[in-house]
Amino acid sequence: VWAFHNPDAHAVDGAVKIETDTLQYFVTSLRARACVTNSNVERGLSFKKHGTVYINTWRGTPLKKMGSYIADGNQSFKSKGKNHFDAMCVQGEFEAGVWARGFGASSDVLVRTGLPRNE
């Protein structure tokens, strides 16, 4: 299942497309055994179902403020409490440090893979 803001704008062969932030999106997310994203996936879900694997392939270099670095009231890239990812792809040591500090990520979940979009 692929979730998009505008599902009709994307061609995905052999997969179901759903719209983000809809009832179908939340039901599907709660039933998922695995979730792979390139951004924060919480989108209204402040918990992760036991047994669901959440992998974040965050793209880009963290040069903007995110996570705990963002001022109160600004929800852009804001982590709402504990992050629920089981693995997060990072380019290298610099990004690992940023994610560890900004999102409270432990070093055992930070996988040094390079940029997934480019690799």
N, C-alpha and C. Protein backbone atom coordinates (compact mmCIF):
# COMPACT_ATOMS: atom_id res chain seq x y z
N VAL A 1 0.86 -1.18 0.00
CA VAL A 1 0.00 0.00 0.00
C VAL A 1 0.90 1.23 0.00
N TRP A 2 0.62 2.15 -0.90
CA TRP A 2 1.34 3.42 -0.97
C TRP A 2 0.41 4.54 -0.54
N ALA A 3 0.88 5.43 0.32
CA ALA A 3 0.08 6.57 0.77
C ALA A 3 0.66 7.86 0.19
N PHE A 4 -0.23 8.66 -0.39
CA PHE A 4 0.16 9.92 -1.02
C PHE A 4 -0.83 11.01 -0.61
N HIS A 5 -0.40 12.26 -0.66
CA HIS A 5 -1.33 13.37 -0.47
C HIS A 5 -2.34 13.40 -1.61
N ASN A 6 -1.89 13.09 -2.82
CA ASN A 6 -2.75 13.07 -3.99
C ASN A 6 -2.51 11.76 -4.75
N PRO A 7 -3.17 10.67 -4.38
CA PRO A 7 -2.90 9.36 -4.98
C PRO A 7 -3.07 9.31 -6.49
N ASP A 8 -4.02 10.08 -7.04
CA ASP A 8 -4.27 10.04 -8.48
C ASP A 8 -3.11 10.60 -9.30
N ALA A 9 -2.23 11.34 -8.67
CA ALA A 9 -1.10 11.94 -9.38
C ALA A 9 0.08 10.99 -9.51
N HIS A 10 -0.04 9.78 -8.94
CA HIS A 10 1.08 8.84 -8.93
C HIS A 10 0.68 7.51 -9.57
N ALA A 11 1.56 7.01 -10.42
CA ALA A 11 1.35 5.70 -11.04
C ALA A 11 2.18 4.67 -10.27
N VAL A 12 1.50 3.70 -9.68
CA VAL A 12 2.19 2.64 -8.94
C VAL A 12 1.57 1.32 -9.40
N ASP A 13 2.32 0.57 -10.20
CA ASP A 13 1.82 -0.69 -10.73
C ASP A 13 1.71 -1.75 -9.65
N GLY A 14 0.58 -2.44 -9.63
CA GLY A 14 0.42 -3.59 -8.75
C GLY A 14 0.29 -3.28 -7.28
N ALA A 15 -0.05 -2.05 -6.91
CA ALA A 15 -0.18 -1.70 -5.50
C ALA A 15 -1.44 -0.88 -5.28
N VAL A 16 -1.91 -0.91 -4.06
CA VAL A 16 -3.06 -0.09 -3.66
C VAL A 16 -2.53 1.29 -3.28
N LYS A 17 -3.22 2.34 -3.72
CA LYS A 17 -2.86 3.71 -3.35
C LYS A 17 -3.97 4.26 -2.46
N ILE A 18 -3.56 4.95 -1.38
CA ILE A 18 -4.52 5.59 -0.50
C ILE A 18 -4.08 7.02 -0.24
N GLU A 19 -5.01 7.83 0.22
CA GLU A 19 -4.71 9.23 0.52
C GLU A 19 -4.33 9.38 1.99
N THR A 20 -3.26 10.14 2.24
CA THR A 20 -2.83 10.37 3.61
C THR A 20 -3.89 11.14 4.39
N ASP A 21 -3.86 10.96 5.69
CA ASP A 21 -4.73 11.68 6.63
C ASP A 21 -6.22 11.40 6.44
N THR A 22 -6.56 10.26 5.88
CA THR A 22 -7.95 9.85 5.75
C THR A 22 -8.20 8.68 6.70
N LEU A 23 -9.45 8.33 6.90
CA LEU A 23 -9.78 7.19 7.75
C LEU A 23 -9.10 5.93 7.22
N GLN A 24 -9.14 5.72 5.90
CA GLN A 24 -8.49 4.55 5.30
C GLN A 24 -7.00 4.54 5.60
N TYR A 25 -6.36 5.69 5.57
CA TYR A 25 -4.93 5.80 5.89
C TYR A 25 -4.65 5.34 7.31
N PHE A 26 -5.44 5.84 8.27
CA PHE A 26 -5.20 5.50 9.67
C PHE A 26 -5.50 4.03 9.95
N VAL A 27 -6.57 3.50 9.38
CA VAL A 27 -6.89 2.08 9.56
C VAL A 27 -5.78 1.21 8.96
N THR A 28 -5.34 1.55 7.76
CA THR A 28 -4.27 0.80 7.11
C THR A 28 -2.98 0.88 7.92
N SER A 29 -2.65 2.05 8.43
CA SER A 29 -1.44 2.22 9.23
C SER A 29 -1.49 1.36 10.48
N LEU A 30 -2.63 1.30 11.11
CA LEU A 30 -2.75 0.53 12.34
C LEU A 30 -2.75 -0.97 12.09
N ARG A 31 -3.06 -1.40 10.89
CA ARG A 31 -3.05 -2.82 10.55
C ARG A 31 -1.71 -3.28 9.96
N ALA A 32 -0.87 -2.35 9.61
CA ALA A 32 0.38 -2.67 8.91
C ALA A 32 1.34 -3.47 9.78
N ARG A 33 2.04 -4.40 9.15
CA ARG A 33 3.12 -5.13 9.82
C ARG A 33 4.44 -4.40 9.66
N ALA A 34 4.53 -3.58 8.61
CA ALA A 34 5.74 -2.80 8.37
C ALA A 34 5.35 -1.47 7.74
N CYS A 35 6.11 -0.45 8.05
CA CYS A 35 5.89 0.87 7.47
C CYS A 35 7.25 1.42 7.09
N VAL A 36 7.38 1.86 5.85
CA VAL A 36 8.61 2.47 5.36
C VAL A 36 8.24 3.88 4.92
N THR A 37 8.97 4.87 5.39
CA THR A 37 8.68 6.26 5.06
C THR A 37 9.97 7.03 4.83
N ASN A 38 9.83 8.21 4.21
CA ASN A 38 11.00 9.08 4.05
C ASN A 38 10.76 10.41 4.77
N SER A 39 9.90 10.40 5.76
CA SER A 39 9.56 11.57 6.54
C SER A 39 8.98 11.07 7.86
N ASN A 40 8.53 11.98 8.72
CA ASN A 40 7.81 11.52 9.91
C ASN A 40 6.51 10.87 9.47
N VAL A 41 6.19 9.72 10.02
CA VAL A 41 5.00 9.01 9.61
C VAL A 41 3.87 9.12 10.62
N GLU A 42 4.15 9.67 11.78
CA GLU A 42 3.14 9.68 12.82
C GLU A 42 1.81 10.26 12.35
N ARG A 43 1.83 11.39 11.68
CA ARG A 43 0.65 11.98 11.06
C ARG A 43 -0.62 11.74 11.86
N GLY A 44 -0.61 12.05 13.12
CA GLY A 44 -1.79 11.87 13.95
C GLY A 44 -1.76 10.60 14.77
N LEU A 45 -0.81 9.72 14.50
CA LEU A 45 -0.66 8.50 15.29
C LEU A 45 0.49 8.69 16.26
N SER A 46 0.20 8.79 17.53
CA SER A 46 1.26 9.04 18.50
C SER A 46 1.77 7.75 19.12
N PHE A 47 1.48 6.63 18.50
CA PHE A 47 1.94 5.35 19.00
C PHE A 47 2.18 4.41 17.83
N LYS A 48 2.86 3.32 18.10
CA LYS A 48 3.11 2.29 17.09
C LYS A 48 2.58 0.98 17.64
N LYS A 49 1.83 0.26 16.83
CA LYS A 49 1.29 -1.02 17.25
C LYS A 49 2.42 -2.01 17.53
N HIS A 50 2.27 -2.77 18.61
CA HIS A 50 3.27 -3.78 18.96
C HIS A 50 3.43 -4.75 17.78
N GLY A 51 4.66 -5.01 17.40
CA GLY A 51 4.93 -5.94 16.31
C GLY A 51 5.07 -5.29 14.95
N THR A 52 4.74 -4.01 14.84
CA THR A 52 4.90 -3.30 13.56
C THR A 52 6.33 -2.78 13.47
N VAL A 53 6.97 -3.00 12.33
CA VAL A 53 8.32 -2.51 12.10
C VAL A 53 8.22 -1.20 11.33
N TYR A 54 8.88 -0.17 11.82
CA TYR A 54 8.84 1.16 11.22
C TYR A 54 10.25 1.53 10.81
N ILE A 55 10.46 1.71 9.50
CA ILE A 55 11.77 2.07 8.94
C ILE A 55 11.65 3.44 8.30
N ASN A 56 12.52 4.35 8.71
CA ASN A 56 12.53 5.70 8.17
C ASN A 56 13.74 5.87 7.27
N THR A 57 13.50 6.15 6.01
CA THR A 57 14.58 6.36 5.04
C THR A 57 14.74 7.85 4.76
N TRP A 58 14.66 8.65 5.80
CA TRP A 58 14.67 10.11 5.68
C TRP A 58 15.69 10.54 4.64
N ARG A 59 15.26 11.46 3.79
CA ARG A 59 16.12 11.89 2.70
C ARG A 59 16.67 13.28 2.99
N GLY A 60 17.81 13.56 2.44
CA GLY A 60 18.40 14.89 2.55
C GLY A 60 19.35 15.03 3.72
N THR A 61 20.02 16.15 3.73
CA THR A 61 20.97 16.48 4.79
C THR A 61 20.27 17.39 5.79
N PRO A 62 20.35 17.08 7.08
CA PRO A 62 19.62 17.86 8.08
C PRO A 62 20.28 19.20 8.38
N LEU A 63 20.01 20.18 7.51
CA LEU A 63 20.56 21.51 7.69
C LEU A 63 19.53 22.48 8.25
N LYS A 64 18.29 22.03 8.41
CA LYS A 64 17.24 22.87 8.98
C LYS A 64 16.94 22.38 10.38
N LYS A 65 16.19 23.15 11.14
CA LYS A 65 15.85 22.75 12.49
C LYS A 65 14.75 21.70 12.46
N MET A 66 14.94 20.63 13.22
CA MET A 66 13.96 19.55 13.31
C MET A 66 13.95 19.01 14.72
N GLY A 67 12.90 18.26 15.02
CA GLY A 67 12.81 17.58 16.31
C GLY A 67 12.84 18.55 17.47
N SER A 68 13.65 18.27 18.46
CA SER A 68 13.70 19.08 19.68
C SER A 68 14.33 20.46 19.45
N TYR A 69 14.91 20.68 18.28
CA TYR A 69 15.51 21.98 17.96
C TYR A 69 14.46 23.02 17.56
N ILE A 70 13.25 22.59 17.27
CA ILE A 70 12.20 23.50 16.79
C ILE A 70 11.51 24.16 17.96
N ALA A 71 11.22 25.45 17.81
CA ALA A 71 10.55 26.21 18.85
C ALA A 71 9.14 25.66 19.10
N ASP A 72 8.67 25.80 20.33
CA ASP A 72 7.31 25.39 20.66
C ASP A 72 6.31 26.09 19.77
N GLY A 73 5.29 25.38 19.36
CA GLY A 73 4.25 25.94 18.50
C GLY A 73 4.46 25.64 17.03
N ASN A 74 5.69 25.41 16.59
CA ASN A 74 5.97 25.09 15.20
C ASN A 74 5.96 23.57 15.06
N GLN A 75 5.04 23.03 14.27
CA GLN A 75 4.90 21.58 14.14
C GLN A 75 5.60 21.00 12.92
N SER A 76 6.25 21.82 12.11
CA SER A 76 6.96 21.33 10.94
C SER A 76 8.16 20.50 11.37
N PHE A 77 8.21 19.25 10.95
CA PHE A 77 9.29 18.33 11.30
C PHE A 77 9.46 18.19 12.80
N LYS A 78 8.40 18.40 13.54
CA LYS A 78 8.45 18.32 15.00
C LYS A 78 8.16 16.91 15.46
N SER A 79 8.99 16.39 16.30
CA SER A 79 8.76 15.09 16.90
C SER A 79 7.85 15.26 18.09
N LYS A 80 6.78 14.53 18.15
CA LYS A 80 5.86 14.60 19.27
C LYS A 80 6.18 13.46 20.23
N GLY A 81 7.14 13.70 21.09
CA GLY A 81 7.52 12.66 22.04
C GLY A 81 8.47 11.66 21.43
N LYS A 82 8.40 10.44 21.90
CA LYS A 82 9.30 9.38 21.47
C LYS A 82 9.08 9.03 20.00
N ASN A 83 10.18 8.91 19.26
CA ASN A 83 10.08 8.43 17.89
C ASN A 83 9.88 6.93 17.92
N HIS A 84 9.15 6.45 16.96
CA HIS A 84 8.76 5.05 16.96
C HIS A 84 9.49 4.22 15.92
N PHE A 85 10.47 4.79 15.25
CA PHE A 85 11.13 4.01 14.21
C PHE A 85 12.05 2.95 14.82
N ASP A 86 12.11 1.82 14.11
CA ASP A 86 12.98 0.72 14.50
C ASP A 86 14.33 0.83 13.82
N ALA A 87 14.36 1.51 12.68
CA ALA A 87 15.60 1.76 11.95
C ALA A 87 15.45 3.07 11.21
N MET A 88 16.53 3.84 11.17
CA MET A 88 16.52 5.10 10.42
C MET A 88 17.80 5.19 9.63
N CYS A 89 17.66 5.38 8.33
CA CYS A 89 18.82 5.50 7.45
C CYS A 89 19.45 6.87 7.61
N VAL A 90 20.77 6.90 7.74
CA VAL A 90 21.51 8.15 7.81
C VAL A 90 22.71 8.06 6.86
N GLN A 91 23.17 9.22 6.41
CA GLN A 91 24.30 9.25 5.49
C GLN A 91 25.61 8.87 6.16
N GLY A 92 25.81 9.35 7.37
CA GLY A 92 27.08 9.12 8.04
C GLY A 92 27.03 9.64 9.46
N GLU A 93 28.19 9.90 10.03
CA GLU A 93 28.29 10.27 11.44
C GLU A 93 27.67 11.63 11.76
N PHE A 94 27.80 12.60 10.84
CA PHE A 94 27.20 13.92 11.09
C PHE A 94 25.70 13.79 11.27
N GLU A 95 25.03 13.13 10.33
CA GLU A 95 23.57 12.97 10.40
C GLU A 95 23.17 12.12 11.60
N ALA A 96 23.95 11.11 11.90
CA ALA A 96 23.65 10.27 13.07
C ALA A 96 23.62 11.12 14.33
N GLY A 97 24.56 12.04 14.45
CA GLY A 97 24.58 12.92 15.61
C GLY A 97 23.38 13.84 15.66
N VAL A 98 22.99 14.38 14.51
CA VAL A 98 21.83 15.27 14.45
C VAL A 98 20.56 14.51 14.84
N TRP A 99 20.37 13.32 14.29
CA TRP A 99 19.16 12.54 14.62
C TRP A 99 19.16 12.13 16.08
N ALA A 100 20.31 11.74 16.60
CA ALA A 100 20.39 11.33 17.99
C ALA A 100 19.98 12.47 18.92
N ARG A 101 20.47 13.67 18.63
CA ARG A 101 20.15 14.82 19.48
C ARG A 101 18.76 15.37 19.20
N GLY A 102 18.40 15.53 17.95
CA GLY A 102 17.15 16.18 17.59
C GLY A 102 15.91 15.32 17.79
N PHE A 103 16.06 14.01 17.60
CA PHE A 103 14.91 13.12 17.70
C PHE A 103 15.02 12.10 18.82
N GLY A 104 16.07 12.19 19.61
CA GLY A 104 16.22 11.24 20.70
C GLY A 104 16.45 9.82 20.21
N ALA A 105 17.04 9.67 19.04
CA ALA A 105 17.27 8.35 18.46
C ALA A 105 18.51 7.71 19.08
N SER A 106 18.40 6.46 19.44
CA SER A 106 19.56 5.75 19.98
C SER A 106 20.44 5.27 18.83
N SER A 107 21.71 5.14 19.08
CA SER A 107 22.66 4.79 18.02
C SER A 107 22.39 3.42 17.40
N ASP A 108 21.74 2.53 18.13
CA ASP A 108 21.49 1.19 17.59
C ASP A 108 20.42 1.17 16.50
N VAL A 109 19.62 2.23 16.35
CA VAL A 109 18.61 2.27 15.29
C VAL A 109 19.06 3.08 14.09
N LEU A 110 20.20 3.77 14.19
CA LEU A 110 20.69 4.60 13.10
C LEU A 110 21.58 3.75 12.18
N VAL A 111 21.10 3.52 10.98
CA VAL A 111 21.77 2.64 10.02
C VAL A 111 22.48 3.52 9.00
N ARG A 112 23.78 3.45 8.95
CA ARG A 112 24.58 4.28 8.04
C ARG A 112 24.57 3.64 6.65
N THR A 113 23.69 4.15 5.79
CA THR A 113 23.45 3.55 4.48
C THR A 113 23.78 4.49 3.34
N GLY A 114 24.04 5.75 3.62
CA GLY A 114 24.07 6.76 2.57
C GLY A 114 22.65 7.25 2.36
N LEU A 115 22.43 8.02 1.32
CA LEU A 115 21.09 8.51 1.03
C LEU A 115 20.31 7.44 0.26
N PRO A 116 19.26 6.87 0.86
CA PRO A 116 18.52 5.80 0.17
C PRO A 116 18.01 6.21 -1.21
N ARG A 117 17.62 7.46 -1.36
CA ARG A 117 17.11 7.92 -2.64
C ARG A 117 18.20 7.90 -3.71
N ASN A 118 19.45 8.10 -3.30
CA ASN A 118 20.57 8.17 -4.23
C ASN A 118 21.34 6.87 -4.36
N GLU A 119 21.31 6.03 -3.36
CA GLU A 119 22.17 4.86 -3.32
C GLU A 119 21.66 3.72 -4.18
